[in-house]
Amino acid sequence: MTLKIENITKFYDQKCVLDDVSLSLAEGEVVGLLGPNGAGKSTLMKIIIGYVAANSGSVEVCGQKVEKNNFLYRHNIGYLPESNPLYLDMYVREYLTFAAEFYNIPNKKEAVEDVIIRTGLSPESHKKIGQLSKGYRQRVGIAQAIIHNPKVLILDEPTTGLDPNQILEIRELIANIGKNHTVIFSTHILQEVSAICSRIIVINKGKIVADKAVSELKKEDNLEDVFRELTT
């Protein structure tokens, strides 16, 4: 398995935000992590990338344990947080070159040009990031997350705040990336995972309450009713 999560539990003070969560993702899967706000989605993603430590349990990325003194797993994981922090005064190519340097990519210029093409940034690549629309800023965020060609891509609410056309463009981009990467992204929009995912994981109150193929869920009479029942 490309990503393996076993018995993850996380407390903030006395509140349990993740309760014995286990799941695994195979290479090439595009998985939607669905749940209401506060369900534990973002916390789980931060644990996967090593930004937050779990109280118990383990995470492995491509066989490498995610732990404090092990940096090898980071070469196999890309991450776009919900806030998408960017340096707005930097030019697109300048920023992506800066990101590439973190991974000691040998041919940085070639990698930057490749990722610009893959994410559809070519028309805006000559601009400063601060001049870009929200949709193109999201593309820059995704580009920095995949510039080192990671095996696993983690996206936290990647379409939040976008207009309908931008949402469709980002969904198509994620679907294309999923052909060569394992992708897990969080959302609270059921139609999002129905459109581009092969599998859906529903998390509520820190627990996984459903883990099904999207094709199986689509057989249900009303997906919204199914989701509502799972998250109440």
C-alpha atoms as a PDB file:
ATOM      1  CA  MET A   1       0.000   0.000   0.000  1.00  0.00           C
ATOM      2  CA  THR A   2       1.190   3.519  -0.793  1.00  0.00           C
ATOM      3  CA  LEU A   3      -0.400   4.967   2.349  1.00  0.00           C
ATOM      4  CA  LYS A   4      -1.130   2.969   5.483  1.00  0.00           C
ATOM      5  CA  ILE A   5      -2.783   4.434   8.585  1.00  0.00           C
ATOM      6  CA  GLU A   6      -3.237   2.248  11.652  1.00  0.00           C
ATOM      7  CA  ASN A   7      -5.191   3.021  14.825  1.00  0.00           C
ATOM      8  CA  ILE A   8      -4.625   6.771  14.842  1.00  0.00           C
ATOM      9  CA  THR A   9      -5.994   8.535  17.913  1.00  0.00           C
ATOM     10  CA  LYS A  10      -5.590  12.242  18.593  1.00  0.00           C
ATOM     11  CA  PHE A  11      -6.645  14.414  21.528  1.00  0.00           C
ATOM     12  CA  TYR A  12      -6.630  18.190  21.797  1.00  0.00           C
ATOM     13  CA  ASP A  13      -6.715  18.824  25.548  1.00  0.00           C
ATOM     14  CA  GLN A  14      -9.470  16.476  26.696  1.00  0.00           C
ATOM     15  CA  LYS A  15     -11.306  16.333  23.359  1.00  0.00           C
ATOM     16  CA  CYS A  16     -10.861  13.289  21.127  1.00  0.00           C
ATOM     17  CA  VAL A  17     -10.740  14.516  17.529  1.00  0.00           C
ATOM     18  CA  LEU A  18      -9.655  11.196  15.967  1.00  0.00           C
ATOM     19  CA  ASP A  19     -10.683   7.878  17.465  1.00  0.00           C
ATOM     20  CA  ASP A  20      -8.797   4.741  16.379  1.00  0.00           C
ATOM     21  CA  VAL A  21      -8.759   5.609  12.662  1.00  0.00           C
ATOM     22  CA  SER A  22      -7.332   3.049  10.228  1.00  0.00           C
ATOM     23  CA  LEU A  23      -7.278   3.034   6.431  1.00  0.00           C
ATOM     24  CA  SER A  24      -4.996   2.281   3.493  1.00  0.00           C
ATOM     25  CA  LEU A  25      -4.668   3.648  -0.030  1.00  0.00           C
ATOM     26  CA  ALA A  26      -3.261   1.865  -3.050  1.00  0.00           C
ATOM     27  CA  GLU A  27      -1.249   3.457  -5.828  1.00  0.00           C
ATOM     28  CA  GLY A  28      -3.370   5.416  -8.296  1.00  0.00           C
ATOM     29  CA  GLU A  29      -6.440   5.791  -6.088  1.00  0.00           C
ATOM     30  CA  VAL A  30      -8.265   9.118  -5.913  1.00  0.00           C
ATOM     31  CA  VAL A  31     -10.014   9.123  -2.546  1.00  0.00           C
ATOM     32  CA  GLY A  32     -12.394  11.717  -1.167  1.00  0.00           C
ATOM     33  CA  LEU A  33     -12.343  12.297   2.579  1.00  0.00           C
ATOM     34  CA  LEU A  34     -15.830  13.554   3.257  1.00  0.00           C
ATOM     35  CA  GLY A  35     -17.352  14.896   6.425  1.00  0.00           C
ATOM     36  CA  PRO A  36     -18.906  17.919   8.111  1.00  0.00           C
ATOM     37  CA  ASN A  37     -16.798  20.762   9.458  1.00  0.00           C
ATOM     38  CA  GLY A  38     -14.985  19.689  12.624  1.00  0.00           C
ATOM     39  CA  ALA A  39     -15.166  15.973  11.769  1.00  0.00           C
ATOM     40  CA  GLY A  40     -11.377  15.506  11.980  1.00  0.00           C
ATOM     41  CA  LYS A  41     -10.442  15.633   8.302  1.00  0.00           C
ATOM     42  CA  SER A  42      -7.781  18.347   8.500  1.00  0.00           C
ATOM     43  CA  THR A  43      -6.257  16.871  11.650  1.00  0.00           C
ATOM     44  CA  LEU A  44      -5.900  13.491   9.962  1.00  0.00           C
ATOM     45  CA  MET A  45      -4.184  15.097   6.974  1.00  0.00           C
ATOM     46  CA  LYS A  46      -1.767  16.993   9.215  1.00  0.00           C
ATOM     47  CA  ILE A  47      -0.881  13.730  10.956  1.00  0.00           C
ATOM     48  CA  ILE A  48      -0.284  12.018   7.595  1.00  0.00           C
ATOM     49  CA  ILE A  49       2.228  14.684   6.549  1.00  0.00           C
ATOM     50  CA  GLY A  50       3.925  14.725   9.960  1.00  0.00           C
ATOM     51  CA  TYR A  51       2.919  18.278  10.905  1.00  0.00           C
ATOM     52  CA  VAL A  52       0.889  17.080  13.901  1.00  0.00           C
ATOM     53  CA  ALA A  53       1.788  14.081  16.066  1.00  0.00           C
ATOM     54  CA  ALA A  54      -0.855  11.511  16.967  1.00  0.00           C
ATOM     55  CA  ASN A  55      -1.288  10.365  20.541  1.00  0.00           C
ATOM     56  CA  SER A  56      -1.219   6.765  19.328  1.00  0.00           C
ATOM     57  CA  GLY A  57      -1.134   4.777  16.115  1.00  0.00           C
ATOM     58  CA  SER A  58       1.149   4.908  13.069  1.00  0.00           C
ATOM     59  CA  VAL A  59       1.340   6.206   9.497  1.00  0.00           C
ATOM     60  CA  GLU A  60       3.477   4.786   6.672  1.00  0.00           C
ATOM     61  CA  VAL A  61       4.051   6.428   3.289  1.00  0.00           C
ATOM     62  CA  CYS A  62       5.557   4.065   0.714  1.00  0.00           C
ATOM     63  CA  GLY A  63       6.883   1.888   3.529  1.00  0.00           C
ATOM     64  CA  GLN A  64       8.494   4.792   5.400  1.00  0.00           C
ATOM     65  CA  LYS A  65       7.173   5.580   8.879  1.00  0.00           C
ATOM     66  CA  VAL A  66       6.003   9.134   9.480  1.00  0.00           C
ATOM     67  CA  GLU A  67       7.932  10.035  12.616  1.00  0.00           C
ATOM     68  CA  LYS A  68       9.930  12.912  14.055  1.00  0.00           C
ATOM     69  CA  ASN A  69      13.430  11.834  13.018  1.00  0.00           C
ATOM     70  CA  ASN A  70      12.599  10.282   9.660  1.00  0.00           C
ATOM     71  CA  PHE A  71      12.607  12.675   6.700  1.00  0.00           C
ATOM     72  CA  LEU A  72      12.638  10.093   3.904  1.00  0.00           C
ATOM     73  CA  TYR A  73       8.846   9.861   3.711  1.00  0.00           C
ATOM     74  CA  ARG A  74       8.652  13.563   2.796  1.00  0.00           C
ATOM     75  CA  HIS A  75      10.056  12.875  -0.655  1.00  0.00           C
ATOM     76  CA  ASN A  76       6.991  10.727  -1.358  1.00  0.00           C
ATOM     77  CA  ILE A  77       4.317  13.128  -0.155  1.00  0.00           C
ATOM     78  CA  GLY A  78       2.917  16.439  -1.434  1.00  0.00           C
ATOM     79  CA  TYR A  79       0.562  18.682   0.506  1.00  0.00           C
ATOM     80  CA  LEU A  80      -1.754  21.598  -0.214  1.00  0.00           C
ATOM     81  CA  PRO A  81      -3.297  23.035   2.981  1.00  0.00           C
ATOM     82  CA  GLU A  82      -6.697  24.686   2.953  1.00  0.00           C
ATOM     83  CA  SER A  83      -5.149  28.128   3.493  1.00  0.00           C
ATOM     84  CA  ASN A  84      -2.730  27.681   0.526  1.00  0.00           C
ATOM     85  CA  PRO A  85       0.030  29.962   1.882  1.00  0.00           C
ATOM     86  CA  LEU A  86       1.888  31.608  -1.002  1.00  0.00           C
ATOM     87  CA  TYR A  87       4.473  34.370  -1.394  1.00  0.00           C
ATOM     88  CA  LEU A  88       2.364  36.875  -3.291  1.00  0.00           C
ATOM     89  CA  ASP A  89       5.308  39.096  -4.293  1.00  0.00           C
ATOM     90  CA  MET A  90       7.119  36.227  -6.022  1.00  0.00           C
ATOM     91  CA  TYR A  91       6.682  35.372  -9.685  1.00  0.00           C
ATOM     92  CA  VAL A  92       5.181  31.963 -10.479  1.00  0.00           C
ATOM     93  CA  ARG A  93       8.423  30.484 -11.828  1.00  0.00           C
ATOM     94  CA  GLU A  94      10.435  32.076  -9.027  1.00  0.00           C
ATOM     95  CA  TYR A  95       8.189  30.540  -6.375  1.00  0.00           C
ATOM     96  CA  LEU A  96       8.176  27.088  -7.960  1.00  0.00           C
ATOM     97  CA  THR A  97      11.969  27.174  -8.280  1.00  0.00           C
ATOM     98  CA  PHE A  98      12.107  28.100  -4.598  1.00  0.00           C
ATOM     99  CA  ALA A  99       9.854  25.116  -3.779  1.00  0.00           C
ATOM    100  CA  ALA A 100      11.991  22.778  -5.925  1.00  0.00           C
ATOM    101  CA  GLU A 101      15.095  23.689  -3.956  1.00  0.00           C
ATOM    102  CA  PHE A 102      13.618  22.126  -0.811  1.00  0.00           C
ATOM    103  CA  TYR A 103      13.774  18.723  -2.492  1.00  0.00           C
ATOM    104  CA  ASN A 104      17.203  19.118  -4.114  1.00  0.00           C
ATOM    105  CA  ILE A 105      15.698  18.438  -7.532  1.00  0.00           C
ATOM    106  CA  PRO A 106      18.690  18.167  -9.900  1.00  0.00           C
ATOM    107  CA  ASN A 107      17.069  19.803 -12.946  1.00  0.00           C
ATOM    108  CA  LYS A 108      15.028  22.528 -11.284  1.00  0.00           C
ATOM    109  CA  LYS A 109      14.330  24.553 -14.416  1.00  0.00           C
ATOM    110  CA  GLU A 110      13.072  21.495 -16.278  1.00  0.00           C
ATOM    111  CA  ALA A 111      10.932  20.422 -13.302  1.00  0.00           C
ATOM    112  CA  VAL A 112       9.398  23.890 -13.028  1.00  0.00           C
ATOM    113  CA  GLU A 113       8.500  24.042 -16.718  1.00  0.00           C
ATOM    114  CA  ASP A 114       7.038  20.543 -16.577  1.00  0.00           C
ATOM    115  CA  VAL A 115       4.813  21.283 -13.591  1.00  0.00           C
ATOM    116  CA  ILE A 116       3.656  24.585 -15.117  1.00  0.00           C
ATOM    117  CA  ILE A 117       2.425  22.673 -18.177  1.00  0.00           C
ATOM    118  CA  ARG A 118       0.844  19.903 -16.086  1.00  0.00           C
ATOM    119  CA  THR A 119      -1.146  22.334 -13.951  1.00  0.00           C
ATOM    120  CA  GLY A 120      -2.183  24.633 -16.800  1.00  0.00           C
ATOM    121  CA  LEU A 121      -0.240  27.621 -15.485  1.00  0.00           C
ATOM    122  CA  SER A 122       1.427  28.549 -18.787  1.00  0.00           C
ATOM    123  CA  PRO A 123      -0.826  31.548 -19.626  1.00  0.00           C
ATOM    124  CA  GLU A 124      -0.156  33.155 -16.216  1.00  0.00           C
ATOM    125  CA  SER A 125       3.369  31.924 -15.496  1.00  0.00           C
ATOM    126  CA  HIS A 126       4.966  35.330 -16.227  1.00  0.00           C
ATOM    127  CA  LYS A 127       2.970  37.065 -13.467  1.00  0.00           C
ATOM    128  CA  LYS A 128       3.455  37.623  -9.768  1.00  0.00           C
ATOM    129  CA  ILE A 129       1.321  35.284  -7.656  1.00  0.00           C
ATOM    130  CA  GLY A 130      -0.479  38.279  -6.147  1.00  0.00           C
ATOM    131  CA  GLN A 131      -1.795  39.156  -9.621  1.00  0.00           C
ATOM    132  CA  LEU A 132      -3.440  35.762 -10.125  1.00  0.00           C
ATOM    133  CA  SER A 133      -7.076  34.811  -9.653  1.00  0.00           C
ATOM    134  CA  LYS A 134      -8.004  32.456  -6.806  1.00  0.00           C
ATOM    135  CA  GLY A 135      -8.245  29.565  -9.262  1.00  0.00           C
ATOM    136  CA  TYR A 136      -4.744  30.106 -10.614  1.00  0.00           C
ATOM    137  CA  ARG A 137      -3.369  30.517  -7.088  1.00  0.00           C
ATOM    138  CA  GLN A 138      -4.800  27.095  -6.327  1.00  0.00           C
ATOM    139  CA  ARG A 139      -2.974  25.766  -9.373  1.00  0.00           C
ATOM    140  CA  VAL A 140       0.278  27.250  -8.061  1.00  0.00           C
ATOM    141  CA  GLY A 141      -0.368  25.549  -4.717  1.00  0.00           C
ATOM    142  CA  ILE A 142      -0.967  22.205  -6.412  1.00  0.00           C
ATOM    143  CA  ALA A 143       2.122  22.727  -8.596  1.00  0.00           C
ATOM    144  CA  GLN A 144       4.369  23.192  -5.566  1.00  0.00           C
ATOM    145  CA  ALA A 145       2.831  20.077  -4.003  1.00  0.00           C
ATOM    146  CA  ILE A 146       3.706  17.855  -6.992  1.00  0.00           C
ATOM    147  CA  ILE A 147       6.935  19.451  -8.259  1.00  0.00           C
ATOM    148  CA  HIS A 148       9.024  16.689  -6.660  1.00  0.00           C
ATOM    149  CA  ASN A 149       6.748  14.008  -8.171  1.00  0.00           C
ATOM    150  CA  PRO A 150       5.500  12.529  -4.888  1.00  0.00           C
ATOM    151  CA  LYS A 151       3.703   9.198  -4.724  1.00  0.00           C
ATOM    152  CA  VAL A 152       0.990  10.590  -2.413  1.00  0.00           C
ATOM    153  CA  LEU A 153      -0.787  13.920  -2.789  1.00  0.00           C
ATOM    154  CA  ILE A 154      -2.798  15.385   0.107  1.00  0.00           C
ATOM    155  CA  LEU A 155      -5.243  18.207  -0.697  1.00  0.00           C
ATOM    156  CA  ASP A 156      -7.256  19.943   2.032  1.00  0.00           C
ATOM    157  CA  GLU A 157     -10.453  21.548   0.689  1.00  0.00           C
ATOM    158  CA  PRO A 158      -8.820  22.391  -2.677  1.00  0.00           C
ATOM    159  CA  THR A 159     -11.897  24.083  -4.205  1.00  0.00           C
ATOM    160  CA  THR A 160     -12.963  26.259  -1.262  1.00  0.00           C
ATOM    161  CA  GLY A 161     -13.745  29.812  -2.341  1.00  0.00           C
ATOM    162  CA  LEU A 162     -13.612  29.148  -6.079  1.00  0.00           C
ATOM    163  CA  ASP A 163     -16.300  30.121  -8.563  1.00  0.00           C
ATOM    164  CA  PRO A 164     -18.170  27.342 -10.456  1.00  0.00           C
ATOM    165  CA  ASN A 165     -15.884  27.435 -13.510  1.00  0.00           C
ATOM    166  CA  GLN A 166     -12.739  27.356 -11.373  1.00  0.00           C
ATOM    167  CA  ILE A 167     -14.148  24.442  -9.371  1.00  0.00           C
ATOM    168  CA  LEU A 168     -14.648  22.423 -12.554  1.00  0.00           C
ATOM    169  CA  GLU A 169     -11.097  23.238 -13.719  1.00  0.00           C
ATOM    170  CA  ILE A 170      -9.521  22.210 -10.403  1.00  0.00           C
ATOM    171  CA  ARG A 171     -11.586  19.010 -10.315  1.00  0.00           C
ATOM    172  CA  GLU A 172     -10.342  18.113 -13.801  1.00  0.00           C
ATOM    173  CA  LEU A 173      -6.771  18.875 -12.746  1.00  0.00           C
ATOM    174  CA  ILE A 174      -7.060  16.611  -9.678  1.00  0.00           C
ATOM    175  CA  ALA A 175      -8.519  13.807 -11.795  1.00  0.00           C
ATOM    176  CA  ASN A 176      -5.596  14.044 -14.231  1.00  0.00           C
ATOM    177  CA  ILE A 177      -3.037  14.078 -11.420  1.00  0.00           C
ATOM    178  CA  GLY A 178      -4.711  10.997  -9.971  1.00  0.00           C
ATOM    179  CA  LYS A 179      -3.706   8.981 -13.031  1.00  0.00           C
ATOM    180  CA  ASN A 180      -0.093   8.995 -11.801  1.00  0.00           C
ATOM    181  CA  HIS A 181      -0.404   9.693  -8.065  1.00  0.00           C
ATOM    182  CA  THR A 182      -2.343   8.479  -5.064  1.00  0.00           C
ATOM    183  CA  VAL A 183      -4.599  11.399  -4.134  1.00  0.00           C
ATOM    184  CA  ILE A 184      -6.597  11.972  -0.979  1.00  0.00           C
ATOM    185  CA  PHE A 185      -8.491  15.216  -0.622  1.00  0.00           C
ATOM    186  CA  SER A 186     -10.923  16.485   1.955  1.00  0.00           C
ATOM    187  CA  THR A 187     -14.219  18.173   1.263  1.00  0.00           C
ATOM    188  CA  HIS A 188     -17.685  18.520   2.724  1.00  0.00           C
ATOM    189  CA  ILE A 189     -19.264  18.590  -0.752  1.00  0.00           C
ATOM    190  CA  LEU A 190     -20.696  15.229  -1.781  1.00  0.00           C
ATOM    191  CA  GLN A 191     -20.872  16.128  -5.476  1.00  0.00           C
ATOM    192  CA  GLU A 192     -17.123  16.782  -5.449  1.00  0.00           C
ATOM    193  CA  VAL A 193     -16.133  13.218  -4.646  1.00  0.00           C
ATOM    194  CA  SER A 194     -18.905  11.808  -6.782  1.00  0.00           C
ATOM    195  CA  ALA A 195     -17.437  13.645  -9.786  1.00  0.00           C
ATOM    196  CA  ILE A 196     -13.765  12.630  -9.582  1.00  0.00           C
ATOM    197  CA  CYS A 197     -13.151   9.956  -6.940  1.00  0.00           C
ATOM    198  CA  SER A 198     -13.088   6.181  -7.167  1.00  0.00           C
ATOM    199  CA  ARG A 199     -13.562   5.819  -3.416  1.00  0.00           C
ATOM    200  CA  ILE A 200     -15.158   7.759  -0.604  1.00  0.00           C
ATOM    201  CA  ILE A 201     -14.290   7.752   3.085  1.00  0.00           C
ATOM    202  CA  VAL A 202     -16.764   9.462   5.391  1.00  0.00           C
ATOM    203  CA  ILE A 203     -15.499  10.667   8.742  1.00  0.00           C
ATOM    204  CA  ASN A 204     -17.723  12.010  11.507  1.00  0.00           C
ATOM    205  CA  LYS A 205     -16.888  12.946  15.088  1.00  0.00           C
ATOM    206  CA  GLY A 206     -13.401  11.509  14.668  1.00  0.00           C
ATOM    207  CA  LYS A 207     -14.512   8.086  13.432  1.00  0.00           C
ATOM    208  CA  ILE A 208     -14.681   6.535   9.956  1.00  0.00           C
ATOM    209  CA  VAL A 209     -18.360   5.790   9.424  1.00  0.00           C
ATOM    210  CA  ALA A 210     -18.161   4.657   5.781  1.00  0.00           C
ATOM    211  CA  ASP A 211     -15.501   3.488   3.318  1.00  0.00           C
ATOM    212  CA  LYS A 212     -17.008   2.574  -0.040  1.00  0.00           C
ATOM    213  CA  ALA A 213     -16.429   2.705  -3.774  1.00  0.00           C
ATOM    214  CA  VAL A 214     -18.161   5.705  -5.326  1.00  0.00           C
ATOM    215  CA  SER A 215     -19.842   3.367  -7.825  1.00  0.00           C
ATOM    216  CA  GLU A 216     -21.427   1.544  -4.892  1.00  0.00           C
ATOM    217  CA  LEU A 217     -22.683   4.766  -3.324  1.00  0.00           C
ATOM    218  CA  LYS A 218     -24.166   5.914  -6.622  1.00  0.00           C
ATOM    219  CA  LYS A 219     -26.519   2.936  -6.489  1.00  0.00           C
ATOM    220  CA  GLU A 220     -28.218   4.507  -3.471  1.00  0.00           C
ATOM    221  CA  ASP A 221     -31.464   6.314  -4.183  1.00  0.00           C
ATOM    222  CA  ASN A 222     -30.311   9.654  -2.753  1.00  0.00           C
ATOM    223  CA  LEU A 223     -26.665  10.338  -1.967  1.00  0.00           C
ATOM    224  CA  GLU A 224     -27.512  13.414   0.104  1.00  0.00           C
ATOM    225  CA  ASP A 225     -29.796  11.352   2.345  1.00  0.00           C
ATOM    226  CA  VAL A 226     -27.101   8.686   2.761  1.00  0.00           C
ATOM    227  CA  PHE A 227     -24.516  11.315   3.744  1.00  0.00           C
ATOM    228  CA  ARG A 228     -26.944  12.999   6.134  1.00  0.00           C
ATOM    229  CA  GLU A 229     -27.650   9.683   7.835  1.00  0.00           C
ATOM    230  CA  LEU A 230     -23.917   8.952   8.202  1.00  0.00           C
ATOM    231  CA  THR A 231     -23.064  12.322   9.716  1.00  0.00           C
ATOM    232  CA  THR A 232     -25.870  12.854  12.243  1.00  0.00           C
END
